C-alpha cells in the first residue's frame, strides 16, 4: 500500500528551496511551550516564511531514492473518527530539518471528509494538507511547526480531498530540526492524541 518513491524530484526541489529559506526559520519556528496560545500564534506566523512547499496528489509520499523507510511504526495513535496515524520514522536530515514519514488509515466504515481539521487554524492554511502538525521539544521548551515556503505552502503531504473507508495514505511532514542534543519530542496532528517519538539519524 505504500508508494514511497513517487515524487522524489519534487522533494529534491523543495529541499533546495528549504535550504535557501532556513535562515528565516531560526527566529520563528518555535515558541515557549508554556500553554500561551498568543505566543504560539505569533511563532506560527513567523515560521510560515521558512521551508519549501509541495502540493502533492493524494496518496503520494516523499522520500529520496537512497533512503529506506522502516516498515514497523514507532508510534500509533487513533482519533475518534477511526483514523489511525502510524509514524514510521522521524529522521534528522542534512540541511537543518527533520522528516516524519508515516501513514494514515481509515479503519472506519464511512469516508472521512474533514481534512481541514488537520491543517490547523491559522489564516491562509492549505486546508487539504497536514499543515497543523507540530512537535514539542520539552527540554528546550520549544514548539516546532511544519515548514512552509514564502507562499504559505506546507512542506508536507497535501492535496488530500478525503480519506475513504479502508483507505491507507502515505504521508510526510518536514520540520525545522531541534538542537542535536534533542533526541525525543512529542508530536501531534490535530484530532489525534500526542505521540512520543525518538529522532533517528
Protein backbone atom coordinates (compact mmCIF):
# COMPACT_ATOMS: atom_id res chain seq x y z
CA UNK A 1 0.00 0.00 0.00
CA UNK A 2 2.96 2.32 0.45
CA UNK A 3 4.25 4.31 -2.53
CA UNK A 4 7.39 5.86 -1.14
CA UNK A 5 9.19 6.99 -4.29
CA UNK A 6 6.56 8.69 -6.39
CA UNK A 7 7.65 12.33 -6.04
CA UNK A 8 11.40 12.27 -5.41
CA UNK A 9 12.19 15.00 -7.91
CA UNK A 10 9.72 17.38 -6.29
CA UNK A 11 11.16 16.52 -2.87
CA UNK A 12 14.65 17.45 -4.02
CA UNK A 13 13.42 20.74 -5.50
CA UNK A 14 11.61 21.53 -2.26
CA UNK A 15 14.73 20.76 -0.27
CA UNK A 16 16.70 23.30 -2.32
CA UNK A 17 14.05 25.89 -1.54
CA UNK A 18 14.19 24.88 2.09
CA UNK A 19 17.94 25.36 2.32
CA UNK A 20 17.59 28.86 0.89
CA UNK A 21 14.95 29.83 3.42
CA UNK A 22 16.12 28.17 6.63
CA UNK A 23 17.77 31.38 7.77
CA UNK A 24 14.29 32.72 8.39
CA UNK A 25 13.34 29.71 10.47
CA UNK A 26 15.59 30.28 13.47
CA UNK A 27 13.64 33.25 14.76
CA UNK A 28 10.18 31.96 14.06
CA UNK A 29 9.86 28.21 14.07
CA UNK A 30 9.38 27.78 17.79
CA UNK A 31 7.90 29.23 20.91
CA UNK A 32 7.99 28.55 24.60
CA UNK A 33 5.83 25.56 25.48
CA UNK A 34 4.01 27.36 28.23
CA UNK A 35 0.43 27.00 27.00
CA UNK A 36 0.32 30.62 25.80
CA UNK A 37 -1.82 30.49 22.68
CA UNK A 38 -0.88 34.04 21.69
CA UNK A 39 2.80 33.14 21.81
CA UNK A 40 2.20 30.03 19.72
CA UNK A 41 0.19 32.01 17.18
CA UNK A 42 2.94 34.59 16.79
CA UNK A 43 5.54 31.88 16.40
CA UNK A 44 3.41 30.10 13.83
CA UNK A 45 3.07 33.22 11.77
CA UNK A 46 6.82 33.77 11.76
CA UNK A 47 7.55 30.17 10.82
CA UNK A 48 5.40 30.38 7.72
CA UNK A 49 8.17 32.22 5.91
CA UNK A 50 10.51 29.24 6.16
CA UNK A 51 10.74 25.98 4.27
CA UNK A 52 9.72 24.70 0.86
CA UNK A 53 6.32 23.71 -0.46
CA UNK A 54 4.98 20.83 -2.47
CA UNK A 55 1.30 20.32 -3.23
CA UNK A 56 1.22 16.57 -3.75
CA UNK A 57 -1.56 14.43 -5.12
CA UNK A 58 -3.43 12.20 -2.72
CA UNK A 59 -1.54 9.12 -1.67
CA UNK A 60 1.93 10.31 -2.58
CA UNK A 61 4.78 10.21 -0.08
CA UNK A 62 8.18 11.85 -0.29
CA UNK A 63 11.46 10.01 0.09
CA UNK A 64 14.86 10.14 -1.57
CA UNK A 65 15.88 7.16 -3.66
CA UNK A 66 18.72 6.13 -1.33
CA UNK A 67 16.59 6.17 1.81
CA UNK A 68 14.64 3.25 3.19
CA UNK A 69 11.51 3.77 5.26
CA UNK A 70 11.04 1.38 8.19
CA UNK A 71 8.05 -0.90 7.82
CA UNK A 72 7.17 -1.05 11.52
CA UNK A 73 5.71 2.04 13.21
CA UNK A 74 7.49 3.71 16.09
CA UNK A 75 4.16 5.15 17.28
CA UNK A 76 0.48 4.65 16.51
CA UNK A 77 -2.47 6.80 17.59
CA UNK A 78 -6.15 6.83 16.66
CA UNK A 79 -8.70 9.64 16.62
CA UNK A 80 -12.38 9.38 17.47
CA UNK A 81 -13.38 9.08 13.79
CA UNK A 82 -11.42 5.83 13.48
CA UNK A 83 -8.44 7.27 11.58
CA UNK A 84 -5.17 5.61 12.60
CA UNK A 85 -1.92 7.58 12.33
CA UNK A 86 1.20 5.43 12.18
CA UNK A 87 4.56 7.15 12.43
CA UNK A 88 7.26 5.07 10.74
CA UNK A 89 10.17 7.40 11.46
CA UNK A 90 11.18 10.89 12.50
CA UNK A 91 14.58 11.31 10.87
CA UNK A 92 17.14 14.09 11.14
CA UNK A 93 18.24 15.07 7.62
CA UNK A 94 21.00 17.25 6.24
CA UNK A 95 20.13 20.91 5.80
CA UNK A 96 18.72 21.55 9.25
CA UNK A 97 15.38 19.79 9.22
CA UNK A 98 13.70 16.56 10.31
CA UNK A 99 11.29 14.49 8.24
CA UNK A 100 8.37 12.50 9.58
CA UNK A 101 7.28 9.57 7.40
CA UNK A 102 4.13 7.65 8.16
CA UNK A 103 0.67 6.70 7.04
CA UNK A 104 -2.97 7.40 7.74
CA UNK A 105 -5.56 4.63 7.57
CA UNK A 106 -9.33 4.99 7.74
CA UNK A 107 -10.39 1.98 9.76
CA UNK A 108 -13.99 3.15 9.92
CA UNK A 109 -16.93 2.32 7.67
CA UNK A 110 -17.51 5.87 6.43
CA UNK A 111 -15.41 8.18 4.28
CA UNK A 112 -13.58 10.88 6.24
CA UNK A 113 -14.14 14.32 4.72
CA UNK A 114 -12.88 16.71 7.42
CA UNK A 115 -9.34 17.01 6.11
CA UNK A 116 -9.32 20.71 7.05
CA UNK A 117 -9.17 19.64 10.70
CA UNK A 118 -5.56 18.53 10.08
CA UNK A 119 -4.44 21.84 8.60
CA UNK A 120 -4.63 23.90 11.77
CA UNK A 121 -6.47 27.15 12.41
CA UNK A 122 -4.09 29.78 11.16
CA UNK A 123 -5.19 32.14 8.41
CA UNK A 124 -4.15 31.09 4.93
CA UNK A 125 -3.52 27.44 5.81
CA UNK A 126 -3.82 24.89 2.99
CA UNK A 127 -7.00 23.08 4.02
CA UNK A 128 -6.03 19.96 2.06
CA UNK A 129 -2.74 19.46 3.92
CA UNK A 130 -1.22 18.33 7.23
CA UNK A 131 -0.11 21.88 7.96
CA UNK A 132 -1.38 21.80 11.55
CA UNK A 133 1.25 19.26 12.65
CA UNK A 134 3.63 20.29 15.43
CA UNK A 135 6.14 18.77 17.78
CA UNK A 136 7.41 19.92 21.15
CA UNK A 137 10.95 19.75 22.46
CA UNK A 138 10.16 19.60 26.16
CA UNK A 139 13.74 20.04 27.31
CA UNK A 140 14.28 23.05 25.08
CA UNK A 141 10.76 24.31 25.79
CA UNK A 142 10.09 24.96 22.11
CA UNK A 143 7.27 24.09 19.74
CA UNK A 144 8.11 23.42 16.08
CA UNK A 145 5.68 23.86 13.18
CA UNK A 146 5.58 22.14 9.79
CA UNK A 147 7.74 24.10 7.37
CA UNK A 148 6.16 26.50 4.86
CA UNK A 149 7.55 28.39 1.92
CA UNK A 150 7.03 32.09 1.31
CA UNK A 151 3.75 31.34 -0.48
CA UNK A 152 2.39 29.52 2.59
CA UNK A 153 2.72 26.07 1.01
CA UNK A 154 3.47 23.34 3.51
CA UNK A 155 6.43 21.01 3.06
CA UNK A 156 4.14 18.09 3.80
CA UNK A 157 1.57 15.84 2.17
CA UNK A 158 -1.19 17.98 0.69
CA UNK A 159 -3.92 17.81 -1.93
CA UNK A 160 -5.97 15.46 0.25
CA UNK A 161 -9.67 15.63 -0.61
CA UNK A 162 -10.88 12.79 1.60
CA UNK A 163 -9.82 9.52 3.19
CA UNK A 164 -12.18 6.79 2.07
CA UNK A 165 -13.27 3.93 4.31
CA UNK A 166 -10.47 1.37 4.36
CA UNK A 167 -8.03 3.65 2.56
CA UNK A 168 -4.36 3.87 3.51
CA UNK A 169 -2.47 7.10 2.71
CA UNK A 170 1.31 7.55 2.92
CA UNK A 171 2.36 10.89 4.39
CA UNK A 172 5.41 13.02 5.13
CA UNK A 173 5.93 16.24 7.08
CA UNK A 174 9.12 18.27 7.39
CA UNK A 175 10.03 20.43 10.37
CA UNK A 176 12.95 22.65 11.38
CA UNK A 177 15.45 20.49 13.26
CA UNK A 178 15.76 20.89 17.03
CA UNK A 179 19.26 21.03 18.54
CA UNK A 180 21.44 17.97 18.02
CA UNK A 181 21.18 17.03 21.68
CA UNK A 182 17.38 16.73 21.38
CA UNK A 183 16.57 13.09 20.65
CA UNK A 184 12.93 12.82 21.77
CA UNK A 185 9.89 15.01 21.08
CA UNK A 186 6.12 14.97 21.46
CA UNK A 187 4.37 15.03 18.07
CA UNK A 188 0.76 15.97 17.47
CA UNK A 189 -1.55 16.24 14.46
CA UNK A 190 -4.89 17.93 15.19
CA UNK A 191 -7.68 15.49 16.24
CA UNK A 192 -5.12 12.85 17.33
CA UNK A 193 -3.62 12.23 20.77
CA UNK A 194 0.04 13.25 21.10
CA UNK A 195 2.73 10.67 20.36
CA UNK A 196 6.19 10.49 21.93
CA UNK A 197 8.82 9.99 19.21
CA UNK A 198 12.53 9.30 19.06
CA UNK A 199 14.51 11.18 16.41
CA UNK A 200 16.73 8.94 14.29
CA UNK A 201 19.68 9.82 12.10
